[in-house]
């Protein structure tokens, strides 16, 4: 196990390079879901106030 540190560093590097884009994708989906939810709530409140 002479170069064990190479495996540890490569595992951390690959893990970060996979996890960061995945995190950003999930964050973008959540923001879009909140935007749609806010739009639906706002339009419903507007329709209720008009009636």
C-alpha atoms as a PDB file:
ATOM      1  CA  UNK A   1       0.000   0.000   0.000  1.00  0.00           C
ATOM      2  CA  UNK A   2       2.753   2.355  -0.957  1.00  0.00           C
ATOM      3  CA  UNK A   3       0.572   4.858  -2.816  1.00  0.00           C
ATOM      4  CA  UNK A   4      -2.560   4.712  -0.703  1.00  0.00           C
ATOM      5  CA  UNK A   5      -2.764   8.502  -0.668  1.00  0.00           C
ATOM      6  CA  UNK A   6      -3.278   8.457  -4.465  1.00  0.00           C
ATOM      7  CA  UNK A   7      -6.436   6.395  -4.054  1.00  0.00           C
ATOM      8  CA  UNK A   8      -7.735   8.611  -1.277  1.00  0.00           C
ATOM      9  CA  UNK A   9      -7.117  11.828  -3.232  1.00  0.00           C
ATOM     10  CA  UNK A  10      -8.597  10.415  -6.435  1.00  0.00           C
ATOM     11  CA  UNK A  11     -11.684   9.193  -4.586  1.00  0.00           C
ATOM     12  CA  UNK A  12     -12.257  12.610  -3.034  1.00  0.00           C
ATOM     13  CA  UNK A  13     -11.690  14.353  -6.372  1.00  0.00           C
ATOM     14  CA  UNK A  14     -14.107  12.138  -8.281  1.00  0.00           C
ATOM     15  CA  UNK A  15     -16.645  12.374  -5.471  1.00  0.00           C
ATOM     16  CA  UNK A  16     -16.601  16.168  -5.534  1.00  0.00           C
ATOM     17  CA  UNK A  17     -16.717  16.319  -9.325  1.00  0.00           C
ATOM     18  CA  UNK A  18     -19.858  14.178  -9.249  1.00  0.00           C
ATOM     19  CA  UNK A  19     -21.517  15.618  -6.155  1.00  0.00           C
ATOM     20  CA  UNK A  20     -21.237  19.319  -7.040  1.00  0.00           C
ATOM     21  CA  UNK A  21     -23.109  19.123 -10.390  1.00  0.00           C
ATOM     22  CA  UNK A  22     -25.685  16.843  -8.778  1.00  0.00           C
ATOM     23  CA  UNK A  23     -26.182  19.356  -5.967  1.00  0.00           C
ATOM     24  CA  UNK A  24     -26.573  22.213  -8.462  1.00  0.00           C
ATOM     25  CA  UNK A  25     -29.104  20.214 -10.500  1.00  0.00           C
ATOM     26  CA  UNK A  26     -31.216  19.413  -7.453  1.00  0.00           C
ATOM     27  CA  UNK A  27     -30.996  23.033  -6.278  1.00  0.00           C
ATOM     28  CA  UNK A  28     -32.164  24.316  -9.676  1.00  0.00           C
ATOM     29  CA  UNK A  29     -35.121  21.928  -9.679  1.00  0.00           C
ATOM     30  CA  UNK A  30     -36.122  23.055  -6.181  1.00  0.00           C
ATOM     31  CA  UNK A  31     -35.916  26.728  -7.166  1.00  0.00           C
ATOM     32  CA  UNK A  32     -38.055  26.116 -10.253  1.00  0.00           C
ATOM     33  CA  UNK A  33     -40.608  24.218  -8.173  1.00  0.00           C
ATOM     34  CA  UNK A  34     -40.788  27.112  -5.699  1.00  0.00           C
ATOM     35  CA  UNK A  35     -41.184  29.605  -8.534  1.00  0.00           C
ATOM     36  CA  UNK A  36     -44.121  27.656  -9.999  1.00  0.00           C
ATOM     37  CA  UNK A  37     -45.681  27.260  -6.563  1.00  0.00           C
ATOM     38  CA  UNK A  38     -45.377  30.978  -5.890  1.00  0.00           C
ATOM     39  CA  UNK A  39     -46.912  31.809  -9.262  1.00  0.00           C
ATOM     40  CA  UNK A  40     -49.870  29.491  -8.623  1.00  0.00           C
ATOM     41  CA  UNK A  41     -50.455  30.915  -5.145  1.00  0.00           C
ATOM     42  CA  UNK A  42     -50.285  34.486  -6.405  1.00  0.00           C
ATOM     43  CA  UNK A  43     -52.710  33.867  -9.279  1.00  0.00           C
ATOM     44  CA  UNK A  44     -55.168  32.075  -6.967  1.00  0.00           C
ATOM     45  CA  UNK A  45     -55.095  34.942  -4.473  1.00  0.00           C
ATOM     46  CA  UNK A  46     -55.673  37.414  -7.291  1.00  0.00           C
ATOM     47  CA  UNK A  47     -58.642  35.431  -8.648  1.00  0.00           C
ATOM     48  CA  UNK A  48     -60.164  35.200  -5.155  1.00  0.00           C
ATOM     49  CA  UNK A  49     -59.861  38.940  -4.601  1.00  0.00           C
ATOM     50  CA  UNK A  50     -61.488  39.709  -7.968  1.00  0.00           C
ATOM     51  CA  UNK A  51     -64.470  37.483  -7.208  1.00  0.00           C
END
